[in-house]
Structure formats: C-alpha cells, structure tokens
N, C-alpha and C. Protein backbone atom coordinates (compact mmCIF):
# COMPACT_ATOMS: atom_id res chain seq x y z
N MET A 1 -97.86 71.91 73.34
CA MET A 1 -98.79 70.81 73.40
C MET A 1 -100.11 71.26 74.01
N ASP A 2 -100.18 72.50 74.39
CA ASP A 2 -101.43 73.01 74.96
C ASP A 2 -102.56 72.96 73.94
N ALA A 3 -102.25 72.92 72.67
CA ALA A 3 -103.28 72.86 71.62
C ALA A 3 -103.93 71.48 71.54
N LEU A 4 -103.23 70.46 71.98
CA LEU A 4 -103.76 69.10 71.86
C LEU A 4 -104.88 68.82 72.86
N ALA A 5 -104.81 69.40 74.03
CA ALA A 5 -105.82 69.13 75.07
C ALA A 5 -107.24 69.46 74.63
N PRO A 6 -107.50 70.64 74.04
CA PRO A 6 -108.88 70.92 73.62
C PRO A 6 -109.37 69.98 72.52
N ALA A 7 -108.47 69.58 71.64
CA ALA A 7 -108.86 68.65 70.57
C ALA A 7 -109.26 67.30 71.15
N LEU A 8 -108.48 66.82 72.10
CA LEU A 8 -108.82 65.54 72.72
C LEU A 8 -110.10 65.64 73.54
N GLU A 9 -110.28 66.77 74.20
CA GLU A 9 -111.51 66.96 74.98
C GLU A 9 -112.73 67.00 74.06
N ALA A 10 -112.60 67.65 72.92
CA ALA A 10 -113.71 67.71 71.96
C ALA A 10 -114.06 66.33 71.44
N TYR A 11 -113.06 65.49 71.27
CA TYR A 11 -113.29 64.16 70.72
C TYR A 11 -113.83 63.19 71.77
N PHE A 12 -113.25 63.22 72.96
CA PHE A 12 -113.61 62.25 73.99
C PHE A 12 -114.58 62.78 75.03
N GLY A 13 -114.91 64.05 74.95
CA GLY A 13 -115.75 64.67 75.97
C GLY A 13 -117.16 64.10 76.05
N THR A 14 -117.80 64.41 77.15
CA THR A 14 -119.15 63.93 77.42
C THR A 14 -120.14 64.36 76.33
N TYR A 15 -119.98 65.55 75.82
CA TYR A 15 -120.93 66.08 74.83
C TYR A 15 -120.41 65.97 73.40
N ALA A 16 -119.47 65.10 73.16
CA ALA A 16 -118.93 64.91 71.81
C ALA A 16 -120.03 64.39 70.89
N MET A 17 -120.04 64.94 69.69
CA MET A 17 -121.00 64.51 68.66
C MET A 17 -120.23 64.28 67.37
N GLU A 18 -120.92 63.81 66.37
CA GLU A 18 -120.27 63.52 65.09
C GLU A 18 -119.58 64.77 64.53
N GLU A 19 -120.24 65.91 64.63
CA GLU A 19 -119.66 67.14 64.10
C GLU A 19 -118.42 67.56 64.89
N THR A 20 -118.49 67.50 66.21
CA THR A 20 -117.32 67.87 67.00
C THR A 20 -116.18 66.87 66.78
N ASP A 21 -116.52 65.61 66.56
CA ASP A 21 -115.49 64.61 66.27
C ASP A 21 -114.74 64.96 64.99
N ARG A 22 -115.48 65.39 63.96
CA ARG A 22 -114.82 65.75 62.69
C ARG A 22 -113.85 66.90 62.89
N TYR A 23 -114.28 67.92 63.61
CA TYR A 23 -113.40 69.06 63.87
C TYR A 23 -112.20 68.65 64.71
N ALA A 24 -112.44 67.83 65.71
CA ALA A 24 -111.35 67.39 66.58
C ALA A 24 -110.31 66.59 65.81
N VAL A 25 -110.76 65.68 64.95
CA VAL A 25 -109.84 64.87 64.16
C VAL A 25 -109.03 65.77 63.22
N ALA A 26 -109.67 66.74 62.60
CA ALA A 26 -108.95 67.67 61.72
C ALA A 26 -107.92 68.47 62.52
N TYR A 27 -108.28 68.88 63.70
CA TYR A 27 -107.39 69.64 64.58
C TYR A 27 -106.18 68.79 64.98
N ILE A 28 -106.43 67.55 65.35
CA ILE A 28 -105.36 66.63 65.74
C ILE A 28 -104.43 66.37 64.56
N ARG A 29 -104.99 66.23 63.37
CA ARG A 29 -104.16 66.03 62.17
C ARG A 29 -103.26 67.23 61.92
N LEU A 30 -103.79 68.44 62.07
CA LEU A 30 -102.97 69.63 61.89
C LEU A 30 -101.82 69.66 62.89
N ILE A 31 -102.11 69.31 64.12
CA ILE A 31 -101.06 69.27 65.14
C ILE A 31 -100.00 68.25 64.75
N HIS A 32 -100.44 67.08 64.34
CA HIS A 32 -99.52 66.01 63.95
C HIS A 32 -98.65 66.43 62.77
N GLU A 33 -99.25 67.06 61.76
CA GLU A 33 -98.52 67.47 60.57
C GLU A 33 -97.47 68.54 60.86
N ASN A 34 -97.68 69.33 61.89
CA ASN A 34 -96.79 70.44 62.19
C ASN A 34 -95.92 70.23 63.42
N LEU A 35 -96.03 69.08 64.05
CA LEU A 35 -95.30 68.82 65.29
C LEU A 35 -93.79 68.83 65.09
N GLU A 36 -93.31 68.17 64.06
CA GLU A 36 -91.86 68.11 63.82
C GLU A 36 -91.29 69.51 63.62
N TYR A 37 -91.97 70.34 62.84
CA TYR A 37 -91.51 71.71 62.62
C TYR A 37 -91.52 72.50 63.94
N ALA A 38 -92.58 72.36 64.71
CA ALA A 38 -92.69 73.09 65.97
C ALA A 38 -91.58 72.71 66.95
N LEU A 39 -91.25 71.44 66.99
CA LEU A 39 -90.18 70.99 67.89
C LEU A 39 -88.81 71.46 67.41
N ALA A 40 -88.63 71.53 66.10
CA ALA A 40 -87.35 71.98 65.55
C ALA A 40 -87.19 73.49 65.62
N ASN A 41 -88.29 74.22 65.74
CA ASN A 41 -88.26 75.69 65.75
C ASN A 41 -89.10 76.22 66.92
N PRO A 42 -88.66 76.01 68.14
CA PRO A 42 -89.50 76.38 69.29
C PRO A 42 -89.76 77.89 69.42
N SER A 43 -88.92 78.72 68.84
CA SER A 43 -89.13 80.16 68.97
C SER A 43 -90.07 80.71 67.90
N ASP A 44 -90.46 79.89 66.95
CA ASP A 44 -91.33 80.34 65.86
C ASP A 44 -92.78 80.17 66.24
C-alpha cells in the first residue's frame, strides 16, 4: 500500500494541479485494478 500514499498526496496536496490530478487518478486506478492480484500473490 506504500504506492497509494504518493498518489493521494499528488491529488490532495497543496500544489495539486489539473495535470497532477490526472496522473494521480490514473495511478490510483492502476492500484485498484491490481489490488486483488497483489493481495492474492504477496510474494510476486
């Protein structure tokens, strides 16, 4: 879950902008899409 913190910081941070928001949302989506696999395969 260490990957989620920078994405949330980019989205909610003091210097967040439209461009950083787009990257942050894409990053959060990638985490969400792969979370089930990551939890099922912690050694991978």
